Amino acid sequence: MPPKKRYQWDTKDSEFEDDRPSRSQKKRDSTALQRMGEELTTLGSSVLAKMPLTPNIREAVLEWQRLSSHEGRRRQMQYIGRLMREEADPQAVRDALDAIKLGHTGETASFKRSEKLRDDLMNATDAEMDTLLAAFSAEDATEIRDLTAKARNEREHSRPPHAYRALFRKLKSLPAEQ
């Protein structure tokens, strides 16, 4: 029996430092890689071709997309998770998925910014329009002013919104800083 307040092993001076991850950590990592595989299954084949994936993973994801039965998809997802653990560079795949998400978010923000500016121009007085157009070059401001006038005229006379759409396309084509 060991003496009181002394233990049979000393964790601080141990010769055997165990740097391996715990079983729980391995399970968390495995689940995270499987979730990443699930994200890959939502992508189209053209986007998958650009991803830093091994051919085996790419084929497995495409096979998952072809399957229709629930059990078949579940088993294929398990297989994708296994391939992700064995073959993939998870950080490169995660970075590529984040870049795709960020790109969609940036496009959406740009789209909404253009819509808001178009609506502000449609409802603005002359003084407000001058303020809104001050950020644009003279040529762009003139074209935007003309398109806004045509769009207002279309709206007043209940005509199809050709100029309204052209105004949006013009605003969308301009740089985001403006």
N, C-alpha and C. Protein backbone atom coordinates (compact mmCIF):
# COMPACT_ATOMS: atom_id res chain seq x y z
N MET A 1 0.84 -1.17 0.00
CA MET A 1 0.00 0.00 0.00
C MET A 1 0.89 1.24 0.00
N PRO A 2 0.57 2.24 -0.85
CA PRO A 2 1.41 3.43 -0.91
C PRO A 2 1.26 4.28 0.35
N PRO A 3 2.29 5.02 0.65
CA PRO A 3 2.18 5.90 1.81
C PRO A 3 1.09 6.95 1.61
N LYS A 4 0.62 7.50 2.72
CA LYS A 4 -0.46 8.45 2.65
C LYS A 4 -0.02 9.69 1.86
N LYS A 5 -0.93 10.22 1.03
CA LYS A 5 -0.72 11.38 0.18
C LYS A 5 0.38 11.18 -0.86
N ARG A 6 0.70 9.99 -1.16
CA ARG A 6 1.60 9.69 -2.27
C ARG A 6 0.90 8.72 -3.18
N TYR A 7 1.13 8.87 -4.45
CA TYR A 7 0.46 8.01 -5.41
C TYR A 7 1.45 7.07 -6.05
N GLN A 8 0.95 6.03 -6.61
CA GLN A 8 1.82 5.05 -7.23
C GLN A 8 2.43 5.58 -8.52
N TRP A 9 1.83 6.56 -9.12
CA TRP A 9 2.41 7.13 -10.33
C TRP A 9 2.46 8.64 -10.18
N ASP A 10 3.40 9.24 -10.80
CA ASP A 10 3.57 10.68 -10.73
C ASP A 10 3.36 11.22 -12.14
N THR A 11 2.33 11.99 -12.34
CA THR A 11 2.00 12.45 -13.69
C THR A 11 2.93 13.55 -14.17
N LYS A 12 3.57 14.26 -13.28
CA LYS A 12 4.44 15.37 -13.68
C LYS A 12 5.81 14.88 -14.15
N ASP A 13 6.34 13.88 -13.50
CA ASP A 13 7.68 13.40 -13.85
C ASP A 13 7.63 12.12 -14.67
N SER A 14 6.54 11.88 -15.26
CA SER A 14 6.38 10.63 -15.99
C SER A 14 7.28 10.60 -17.22
N GLU A 15 7.85 9.45 -17.49
CA GLU A 15 8.67 9.27 -18.68
C GLU A 15 7.79 9.13 -19.91
N PHE A 16 6.58 8.77 -19.69
CA PHE A 16 5.67 8.50 -20.80
C PHE A 16 4.66 9.65 -20.95
N GLU A 17 5.01 10.61 -21.77
CA GLU A 17 4.09 11.69 -22.09
C GLU A 17 3.18 11.20 -23.22
N ASP A 18 1.90 11.22 -22.99
CA ASP A 18 0.96 10.73 -23.99
C ASP A 18 0.40 11.93 -24.76
N ASP A 19 0.93 12.18 -25.96
CA ASP A 19 0.51 13.31 -26.78
C ASP A 19 -0.58 12.93 -27.78
N ARG A 20 -1.01 11.70 -27.73
CA ARG A 20 -2.05 11.27 -28.66
C ARG A 20 -3.37 11.92 -28.27
N PRO A 21 -4.24 12.15 -29.28
CA PRO A 21 -5.56 12.71 -28.96
C PRO A 21 -6.42 11.67 -28.25
N SER A 22 -7.32 12.15 -27.44
CA SER A 22 -8.21 11.24 -26.72
C SER A 22 -9.21 10.61 -27.69
N ARG A 23 -9.88 9.60 -27.23
CA ARG A 23 -10.87 8.93 -28.07
C ARG A 23 -11.99 9.89 -28.43
N SER A 24 -12.39 10.72 -27.47
CA SER A 24 -13.44 11.69 -27.73
C SER A 24 -13.01 12.70 -28.78
N GLN A 25 -11.75 13.13 -28.72
CA GLN A 25 -11.25 14.09 -29.70
C GLN A 25 -11.22 13.45 -31.10
N LYS A 26 -10.84 12.18 -31.16
CA LYS A 26 -10.84 11.48 -32.45
C LYS A 26 -12.25 11.43 -33.03
N LYS A 27 -13.24 11.18 -32.18
CA LYS A 27 -14.62 11.13 -32.64
C LYS A 27 -15.08 12.51 -33.11
N ARG A 28 -14.72 13.56 -32.39
CA ARG A 28 -15.09 14.92 -32.81
C ARG A 28 -14.47 15.26 -34.15
N ASP A 29 -13.20 14.91 -34.32
CA ASP A 29 -12.52 15.16 -35.60
C ASP A 29 -13.17 14.37 -36.73
N SER A 30 -13.50 13.12 -36.46
CA SER A 30 -14.13 12.27 -37.46
C SER A 30 -15.49 12.83 -37.87
N THR A 31 -16.27 13.27 -36.90
CA THR A 31 -17.58 13.85 -37.19
C THR A 31 -17.44 15.13 -37.98
N ALA A 32 -16.45 15.95 -37.65
CA ALA A 32 -16.24 17.20 -38.39
C ALA A 32 -15.88 16.91 -39.85
N LEU A 33 -15.06 15.89 -40.08
CA LEU A 33 -14.71 15.54 -41.45
C LEU A 33 -15.91 14.99 -42.21
N GLN A 34 -16.77 14.25 -41.51
CA GLN A 34 -17.96 13.75 -42.18
C GLN A 34 -18.91 14.90 -42.52
N ARG A 35 -19.03 15.88 -41.65
CA ARG A 35 -19.85 17.06 -41.94
C ARG A 35 -19.29 17.81 -43.15
N MET A 36 -17.97 17.88 -43.24
CA MET A 36 -17.35 18.51 -44.40
C MET A 36 -17.70 17.73 -45.67
N GLY A 37 -17.72 16.41 -45.56
CA GLY A 37 -18.13 15.58 -46.69
C GLY A 37 -19.58 15.86 -47.08
N GLU A 38 -20.44 16.09 -46.08
CA GLU A 38 -21.84 16.44 -46.37
C GLU A 38 -21.93 17.77 -47.11
N GLU A 39 -21.09 18.72 -46.74
CA GLU A 39 -21.07 20.00 -47.46
C GLU A 39 -20.63 19.80 -48.91
N LEU A 40 -19.70 18.88 -49.12
CA LEU A 40 -19.23 18.62 -50.48
C LEU A 40 -20.35 18.05 -51.35
N THR A 41 -21.26 17.30 -50.75
CA THR A 41 -22.33 16.69 -51.54
C THR A 41 -23.33 17.71 -52.06
N THR A 42 -23.34 18.90 -51.48
CA THR A 42 -24.28 19.93 -51.95
C THR A 42 -23.73 20.70 -53.14
N LEU A 43 -22.46 20.51 -53.46
CA LEU A 43 -21.83 21.26 -54.55
C LEU A 43 -22.07 20.59 -55.90
N GLY A 44 -22.05 21.39 -56.94
CA GLY A 44 -22.19 20.87 -58.29
C GLY A 44 -20.89 20.23 -58.77
N SER A 45 -20.98 19.50 -59.87
CA SER A 45 -19.81 18.78 -60.37
C SER A 45 -18.73 19.74 -60.87
N SER A 46 -19.12 20.90 -61.41
CA SER A 46 -18.12 21.85 -61.89
C SER A 46 -17.34 22.46 -60.73
N VAL A 47 -18.01 22.68 -59.61
CA VAL A 47 -17.33 23.22 -58.42
C VAL A 47 -16.46 22.14 -57.78
N LEU A 48 -16.95 20.91 -57.78
CA LEU A 48 -16.17 19.80 -57.22
C LEU A 48 -14.87 19.60 -57.99
N ALA A 49 -14.90 19.84 -59.29
CA ALA A 49 -13.70 19.66 -60.11
C ALA A 49 -12.60 20.63 -59.70
N LYS A 50 -12.98 21.79 -59.16
CA LYS A 50 -12.01 22.80 -58.75
C LYS A 50 -11.52 22.62 -57.32
N MET A 51 -12.18 21.75 -56.57
CA MET A 51 -11.83 21.55 -55.16
C MET A 51 -10.56 20.70 -55.05
N PRO A 52 -9.77 20.92 -53.98
CA PRO A 52 -8.55 20.12 -53.77
C PRO A 52 -8.87 18.76 -53.16
N LEU A 53 -9.52 17.91 -53.95
CA LEU A 53 -9.93 16.59 -53.48
C LEU A 53 -9.18 15.52 -54.25
N THR A 54 -9.03 14.37 -53.61
CA THR A 54 -8.46 13.23 -54.33
C THR A 54 -9.53 12.68 -55.27
N PRO A 55 -9.13 11.99 -56.32
CA PRO A 55 -10.12 11.44 -57.26
C PRO A 55 -11.11 10.48 -56.58
N ASN A 56 -10.65 9.74 -55.60
CA ASN A 56 -11.55 8.81 -54.90
C ASN A 56 -12.68 9.54 -54.19
N ILE A 57 -12.35 10.63 -53.53
CA ILE A 57 -13.39 11.39 -52.82
C ILE A 57 -14.34 12.03 -53.82
N ARG A 58 -13.80 12.60 -54.88
CA ARG A 58 -14.63 13.23 -55.90
C ARG A 58 -15.63 12.21 -56.48
N GLU A 59 -15.13 11.01 -56.80
CA GLU A 59 -16.00 9.96 -57.34
C GLU A 59 -17.05 9.54 -56.32
N ALA A 60 -16.66 9.43 -55.05
CA ALA A 60 -17.60 9.03 -54.01
C ALA A 60 -18.71 10.07 -53.84
N VAL A 61 -18.35 11.34 -53.91
CA VAL A 61 -19.36 12.41 -53.78
C VAL A 61 -20.31 12.37 -54.98
N LEU A 62 -19.77 12.21 -56.17
CA LEU A 62 -20.62 12.12 -57.36
C LEU A 62 -21.54 10.89 -57.30
N GLU A 63 -21.02 9.80 -56.76
CA GLU A 63 -21.85 8.60 -56.59
C GLU A 63 -22.96 8.86 -55.59
N TRP A 64 -22.67 9.58 -54.50
CA TRP A 64 -23.69 9.92 -53.51
C TRP A 64 -24.80 10.72 -54.17
N GLN A 65 -24.43 11.64 -55.06
CA GLN A 65 -25.43 12.46 -55.74
C GLN A 65 -26.31 11.64 -56.67
N ARG A 66 -25.77 10.55 -57.19
CA ARG A 66 -26.56 9.69 -58.10
C ARG A 66 -27.53 8.78 -57.34
N LEU A 67 -27.21 8.46 -56.10
CA LEU A 67 -28.04 7.53 -55.32
C LEU A 67 -29.36 8.18 -54.94
N SER A 68 -30.39 7.37 -54.82
CA SER A 68 -31.69 7.90 -54.43
C SER A 68 -32.21 7.30 -53.13
N SER A 69 -31.78 6.10 -52.77
CA SER A 69 -32.31 5.48 -51.56
C SER A 69 -31.63 6.05 -50.32
N HIS A 70 -32.40 6.17 -49.27
CA HIS A 70 -31.90 6.74 -48.02
C HIS A 70 -30.73 5.93 -47.46
N GLU A 71 -30.91 4.63 -47.40
CA GLU A 71 -29.87 3.78 -46.81
C GLU A 71 -28.61 3.80 -47.65
N GLY A 72 -28.77 3.81 -48.96
CA GLY A 72 -27.60 3.87 -49.84
C GLY A 72 -26.83 5.17 -49.64
N ARG A 73 -27.56 6.27 -49.52
CA ARG A 73 -26.90 7.57 -49.29
C ARG A 73 -26.21 7.60 -47.93
N ARG A 74 -26.87 7.02 -46.93
CA ARG A 74 -26.26 7.01 -45.58
C ARG A 74 -24.95 6.24 -45.59
N ARG A 75 -24.95 5.08 -46.23
CA ARG A 75 -23.72 4.27 -46.28
C ARG A 75 -22.65 4.96 -47.12
N GLN A 76 -23.06 5.60 -48.20
CA GLN A 76 -22.09 6.31 -49.03
C GLN A 76 -21.49 7.49 -48.26
N MET A 77 -22.30 8.14 -47.42
CA MET A 77 -21.78 9.25 -46.61
C MET A 77 -20.76 8.73 -45.60
N GLN A 78 -21.00 7.55 -45.04
CA GLN A 78 -20.02 6.95 -44.14
C GLN A 78 -18.71 6.69 -44.89
N TYR A 79 -18.83 6.22 -46.11
CA TYR A 79 -17.65 5.95 -46.94
C TYR A 79 -16.91 7.26 -47.25
N ILE A 80 -17.65 8.32 -47.56
CA ILE A 80 -17.01 9.61 -47.82
C ILE A 80 -16.27 10.08 -46.58
N GLY A 81 -16.88 9.91 -45.41
CA GLY A 81 -16.21 10.28 -44.16
C GLY A 81 -14.91 9.51 -43.96
N ARG A 82 -14.94 8.22 -44.27
CA ARG A 82 -13.73 7.41 -44.14
C ARG A 82 -12.65 7.90 -45.10
N LEU A 83 -13.04 8.18 -46.34
CA LEU A 83 -12.07 8.69 -47.31
C LEU A 83 -11.51 10.04 -46.87
N MET A 84 -12.35 10.88 -46.30
CA MET A 84 -11.88 12.19 -45.82
C MET A 84 -10.84 12.01 -44.71
N ARG A 85 -11.06 11.02 -43.84
CA ARG A 85 -10.09 10.78 -42.76
C ARG A 85 -8.78 10.23 -43.30
N GLU A 86 -8.86 9.39 -44.32
CA GLU A 86 -7.67 8.70 -44.82
C GLU A 86 -6.87 9.49 -45.84
N GLU A 87 -7.56 10.13 -46.78
CA GLU A 87 -6.87 10.65 -47.95
C GLU A 87 -6.79 12.16 -48.03
N ALA A 88 -7.75 12.85 -47.52
CA ALA A 88 -7.87 14.28 -47.80
C ALA A 88 -6.94 15.13 -46.94
N ASP A 89 -6.65 16.32 -47.48
CA ASP A 89 -6.00 17.37 -46.69
C ASP A 89 -7.14 18.24 -46.17
N PRO A 90 -7.59 17.99 -44.93
CA PRO A 90 -8.82 18.63 -44.47
C PRO A 90 -8.75 20.16 -44.44
N GLN A 91 -7.59 20.71 -44.15
CA GLN A 91 -7.51 22.17 -44.06
C GLN A 91 -7.68 22.81 -45.44
N ALA A 92 -7.12 22.20 -46.47
CA ALA A 92 -7.26 22.74 -47.83
C ALA A 92 -8.72 22.67 -48.28
N VAL A 93 -9.38 21.57 -47.96
CA VAL A 93 -10.79 21.42 -48.33
C VAL A 93 -11.64 22.44 -47.57
N ARG A 94 -11.37 22.61 -46.27
CA ARG A 94 -12.12 23.58 -45.46
C ARG A 94 -11.92 24.99 -46.01
N ASP A 95 -10.68 25.35 -46.37
CA ASP A 95 -10.41 26.67 -46.92
C ASP A 95 -11.17 26.89 -48.22
N ALA A 96 -11.21 25.88 -49.07
CA ALA A 96 -11.93 25.99 -50.34
C ALA A 96 -13.44 26.14 -50.11
N LEU A 97 -13.99 25.39 -49.16
CA LEU A 97 -15.42 25.52 -48.85
C LEU A 97 -15.74 26.90 -48.28
N ASP A 98 -14.86 27.41 -47.41
CA ASP A 98 -15.07 28.74 -46.85
C ASP A 98 -15.00 29.81 -47.92
N ALA A 99 -14.09 29.65 -48.88
CA ALA A 99 -13.98 30.61 -49.98
C ALA A 99 -15.25 30.61 -50.82
N ILE A 100 -15.83 29.45 -51.03
CA ILE A 100 -17.08 29.37 -51.79
C ILE A 100 -18.20 30.07 -51.04
N LYS A 101 -18.30 29.83 -49.73
CA LYS A 101 -19.33 30.48 -48.93
C LYS A 101 -19.15 31.99 -48.93
N LEU A 102 -17.91 32.44 -48.78
CA LEU A 102 -17.62 33.87 -48.74
C LEU A 102 -17.97 34.51 -50.07
N GLY A 103 -17.68 33.82 -51.16
CA GLY A 103 -18.01 34.35 -52.48
C GLY A 103 -19.50 34.55 -52.65
N HIS A 104 -20.30 33.58 -52.20
CA HIS A 104 -21.75 33.71 -52.30
C HIS A 104 -22.24 34.84 -51.42
N THR A 105 -21.66 35.00 -50.26
CA THR A 105 -22.07 36.06 -49.36
C THR A 105 -21.74 37.42 -49.97
N GLY A 106 -20.56 37.55 -50.57
CA GLY A 106 -20.17 38.82 -51.19
C GLY A 106 -21.05 39.16 -52.37
N GLU A 107 -21.41 38.16 -53.18
CA GLU A 107 -22.30 38.40 -54.32
C GLU A 107 -23.67 38.85 -53.85
N THR A 108 -24.16 38.23 -52.80
CA THR A 108 -25.47 38.58 -52.27
C THR A 108 -25.46 40.01 -51.73
N ALA A 109 -24.41 40.37 -51.02
CA ALA A 109 -24.32 41.72 -50.47
C ALA A 109 -24.25 42.75 -51.60
N SER A 110 -23.49 42.45 -52.64
CA SER A 110 -23.40 43.36 -53.78
C SER A 110 -24.76 43.51 -54.46
N PHE A 111 -25.46 42.42 -54.63
CA PHE A 111 -26.78 42.43 -55.24
C PHE A 111 -27.74 43.31 -54.43
N LYS A 112 -27.75 43.11 -53.13
CA LYS A 112 -28.66 43.89 -52.27
C LYS A 112 -28.28 45.36 -52.24
N ARG A 113 -26.98 45.65 -52.28
CA ARG A 113 -26.53 47.04 -52.31
C ARG A 113 -27.02 47.73 -53.59
N SER A 114 -26.93 47.02 -54.72
CA SER A 114 -27.39 47.58 -56.00
C SER A 114 -28.90 47.80 -55.99
N GLU A 115 -29.65 46.84 -55.43
CA GLU A 115 -31.10 46.99 -55.34
C GLU A 115 -31.49 48.19 -54.49
N LYS A 116 -30.81 48.35 -53.37
CA LYS A 116 -31.13 49.46 -52.47
C LYS A 116 -30.82 50.80 -53.14
N LEU A 117 -29.68 50.88 -53.82
CA LEU A 117 -29.32 52.12 -54.50
C LEU A 117 -30.34 52.44 -55.60
N ARG A 118 -30.77 51.43 -56.35
CA ARG A 118 -31.78 51.63 -57.39
C ARG A 118 -33.08 52.16 -56.78
N ASP A 119 -33.52 51.56 -55.68
CA ASP A 119 -34.76 52.01 -55.05
C ASP A 119 -34.60 53.42 -54.49
N ASP A 120 -33.44 53.73 -53.92
CA ASP A 120 -33.19 55.08 -53.42
C ASP A 120 -33.23 56.10 -54.56
N LEU A 121 -32.64 55.74 -55.69
CA LEU A 121 -32.64 56.65 -56.85
C LEU A 121 -34.07 56.86 -57.37
N MET A 122 -34.85 55.81 -57.40
CA MET A 122 -36.22 55.92 -57.90
C MET A 122 -37.08 56.82 -57.03
N ASN A 123 -36.81 56.87 -55.74
CA ASN A 123 -37.63 57.64 -54.80
C ASN A 123 -36.98 58.96 -54.39
N ALA A 124 -35.82 59.30 -54.96
CA ALA A 124 -35.07 60.47 -54.53
C ALA A 124 -35.55 61.74 -55.24
N THR A 125 -35.42 62.85 -54.53
CA THR A 125 -35.64 64.16 -55.15
C THR A 125 -34.37 64.53 -55.91
N ASP A 126 -34.40 65.67 -56.61
CA ASP A 126 -33.22 66.08 -57.39
C ASP A 126 -32.00 66.30 -56.49
N ALA A 127 -32.20 66.92 -55.32
CA ALA A 127 -31.08 67.18 -54.41
C ALA A 127 -30.53 65.87 -53.86
N GLU A 128 -31.42 64.96 -53.49
CA GLU A 128 -30.98 63.66 -52.98
C GLU A 128 -30.26 62.86 -54.07
N MET A 129 -30.74 62.98 -55.32
CA MET A 129 -30.11 62.25 -56.42
C MET A 129 -28.69 62.77 -56.66
N ASP A 130 -28.51 64.10 -56.55
CA ASP A 130 -27.16 64.66 -56.71
C ASP A 130 -26.22 64.10 -55.65
N THR A 131 -26.72 63.96 -54.44
CA THR A 131 -25.91 63.40 -53.35
C THR A 131 -25.56 61.94 -53.63
N LEU A 132 -26.55 61.17 -54.09
CA LEU A 132 -26.31 59.76 -54.37
C LEU A 132 -25.35 59.57 -55.55
N LEU A 133 -25.42 60.44 -56.54
CA LEU A 133 -24.59 60.28 -57.74
C LEU A 133 -23.22 60.92 -57.61
N ALA A 134 -22.95 61.59 -56.49
CA ALA A 134 -21.66 62.26 -56.31
C ALA A 134 -20.50 61.26 -56.29
N ALA A 135 -20.74 60.03 -55.89
CA ALA A 135 -19.67 59.03 -55.79
C ALA A 135 -19.29 58.45 -57.16
N PHE A 136 -20.09 58.69 -58.19
CA PHE A 136 -19.84 58.11 -59.50
C PHE A 136 -19.14 59.10 -60.41
N SER A 137 -18.51 58.57 -61.47
CA SER A 137 -17.89 59.44 -62.46
C SER A 137 -18.98 60.20 -63.21
N ALA A 138 -18.60 61.26 -63.93
CA ALA A 138 -19.57 62.12 -64.62
C ALA A 138 -20.36 61.33 -65.66
N GLU A 139 -19.65 60.46 -66.43
CA GLU A 139 -20.35 59.69 -67.47
C GLU A 139 -21.34 58.71 -66.85
N ASP A 140 -20.90 58.00 -65.81
CA ASP A 140 -21.78 57.04 -65.15
C ASP A 140 -22.97 57.75 -64.51
N ALA A 141 -22.71 58.89 -63.88
CA ALA A 141 -23.79 59.64 -63.23
C ALA A 141 -24.83 60.09 -64.24
N THR A 142 -24.37 60.53 -65.41
CA THR A 142 -25.30 60.97 -66.45
C THR A 142 -26.15 59.80 -66.94
N GLU A 143 -25.51 58.66 -67.18
CA GLU A 143 -26.25 57.48 -67.65
C GLU A 143 -27.24 57.00 -66.58
N ILE A 144 -26.82 57.00 -65.34
CA ILE A 144 -27.71 56.58 -64.25
C ILE A 144 -28.89 57.53 -64.13
N ARG A 145 -28.63 58.82 -64.26
CA ARG A 145 -29.71 59.82 -64.18
C ARG A 145 -30.73 59.59 -65.31
N ASP A 146 -30.24 59.34 -66.53
CA ASP A 146 -31.14 59.09 -67.67
C ASP A 146 -31.97 57.82 -67.46
N LEU A 147 -31.29 56.75 -67.03
CA LEU A 147 -32.01 55.49 -66.80
C LEU A 147 -33.05 55.64 -65.69
N THR A 148 -32.72 56.43 -64.66
CA THR A 148 -33.66 56.65 -63.57
C THR A 148 -34.89 57.40 -64.08
N ALA A 149 -34.67 58.41 -64.91
CA ALA A 149 -35.81 59.17 -65.47
C ALA A 149 -36.69 58.26 -66.33
N LYS A 150 -36.06 57.42 -67.15
CA LYS A 150 -36.84 56.50 -67.99
C LYS A 150 -37.61 55.50 -67.13
N ALA A 151 -36.97 54.99 -66.07
CA ALA A 151 -37.62 54.03 -65.18
C ALA A 151 -38.80 54.66 -64.45
N ARG A 152 -38.66 55.91 -64.03
CA ARG A 152 -39.77 56.61 -63.38
C ARG A 152 -40.93 56.78 -64.36
N ASN A 153 -40.59 57.12 -65.59
CA ASN A 153 -41.61 57.29 -66.62
C ASN A 153 -42.34 55.97 -66.86
N GLU A 154 -41.60 54.87 -66.93
CA GLU A 154 -42.22 53.54 -67.10
C GLU A 154 -43.18 53.23 -65.95
N ARG A 155 -42.75 53.55 -64.75
CA ARG A 155 -43.57 53.26 -63.57
C ARG A 155 -44.85 54.10 -63.58
N GLU A 156 -44.71 55.38 -63.97
CA GLU A 156 -45.88 56.27 -63.99
C GLU A 156 -46.92 55.82 -65.01
N HIS A 157 -46.45 55.31 -66.16
CA HIS A 157 -47.36 54.93 -67.24
C HIS A 157 -47.65 53.43 -67.26
N SER A 158 -47.26 52.71 -66.22
CA SER A 158 -47.50 51.27 -66.08
C SER A 158 -47.00 50.48 -67.29
N ARG A 159 -45.80 50.80 -67.71
CA ARG A 159 -45.17 50.09 -68.83
C ARG A 159 -44.26 48.99 -68.27
N PRO A 160 -43.84 48.05 -69.13
CA PRO A 160 -42.89 47.03 -68.68
C PRO A 160 -41.58 47.67 -68.19
N PRO A 161 -40.96 47.10 -67.17
CA PRO A 161 -39.80 47.74 -66.51
C PRO A 161 -38.46 47.53 -67.22
N HIS A 162 -38.35 47.89 -68.48
CA HIS A 162 -37.08 47.70 -69.20
C HIS A 162 -35.99 48.61 -68.65
N ALA A 163 -36.27 49.89 -68.51
CA ALA A 163 -35.26 50.84 -68.00
C ALA A 163 -34.96 50.56 -66.53
N TYR A 164 -35.95 50.13 -65.78
CA TYR A 164 -35.77 49.79 -64.36
C TYR A 164 -34.73 48.67 -64.23
N ARG A 165 -34.85 47.67 -65.09
CA ARG A 165 -33.89 46.56 -65.09
C ARG A 165 -32.53 47.00 -65.61
N ALA A 166 -32.53 47.86 -66.64
CA ALA A 166 -31.26 48.37 -67.18
C ALA A 166 -30.53 49.19 -66.13
N LEU A 167 -31.29 49.95 -65.34
CA LEU A 167 -30.68 50.73 -64.25
C LEU A 167 -30.02 49.80 -63.24
N PHE A 168 -30.69 48.72 -62.89
CA PHE A 168 -30.11 47.76 -61.95
C PHE A 168 -28.84 47.14 -62.53
N ARG A 169 -28.87 46.73 -63.81
CA ARG A 169 -27.68 46.14 -64.43
C ARG A 169 -26.52 47.12 -64.43
N LYS A 170 -26.81 48.40 -64.68
CA LYS A 170 -25.75 49.42 -64.68
C LYS A 170 -25.16 49.56 -63.27
N LEU A 171 -26.00 49.63 -62.27
CA LEU A 171 -25.52 49.78 -60.89
C LEU A 171 -24.73 48.55 -60.45
N LYS A 172 -25.17 47.38 -60.90
CA LYS A 172 -24.48 46.15 -60.53
C LYS A 172 -23.11 46.05 -61.20
N SER A 173 -22.97 46.62 -62.39
CA SER A 173 -21.71 46.52 -63.11
C SER A 173 -20.65 47.49 -62.58
N LEU A 174 -21.08 48.48 -61.83
CA LEU A 174 -20.12 49.46 -61.30
C LEU A 174 -19.35 48.86 -60.13
N PRO A 175 -18.13 49.37 -59.85
CA PRO A 175 -17.34 48.84 -58.74
C PRO A 175 -18.07 48.99 -57.40
N ALA A 176 -17.75 48.09 -56.47
CA ALA A 176 -18.43 48.03 -55.17
C ALA A 176 -18.09 49.19 -54.25
N GLU A 177 -16.99 49.89 -54.48
CA GLU A 177 -16.59 50.96 -53.57
C GLU A 177 -17.54 52.13 -53.61
N GLN A 178 -18.32 52.22 -54.67
CA GLN A 178 -19.14 53.41 -54.86
C GLN A 178 -20.44 53.35 -54.14
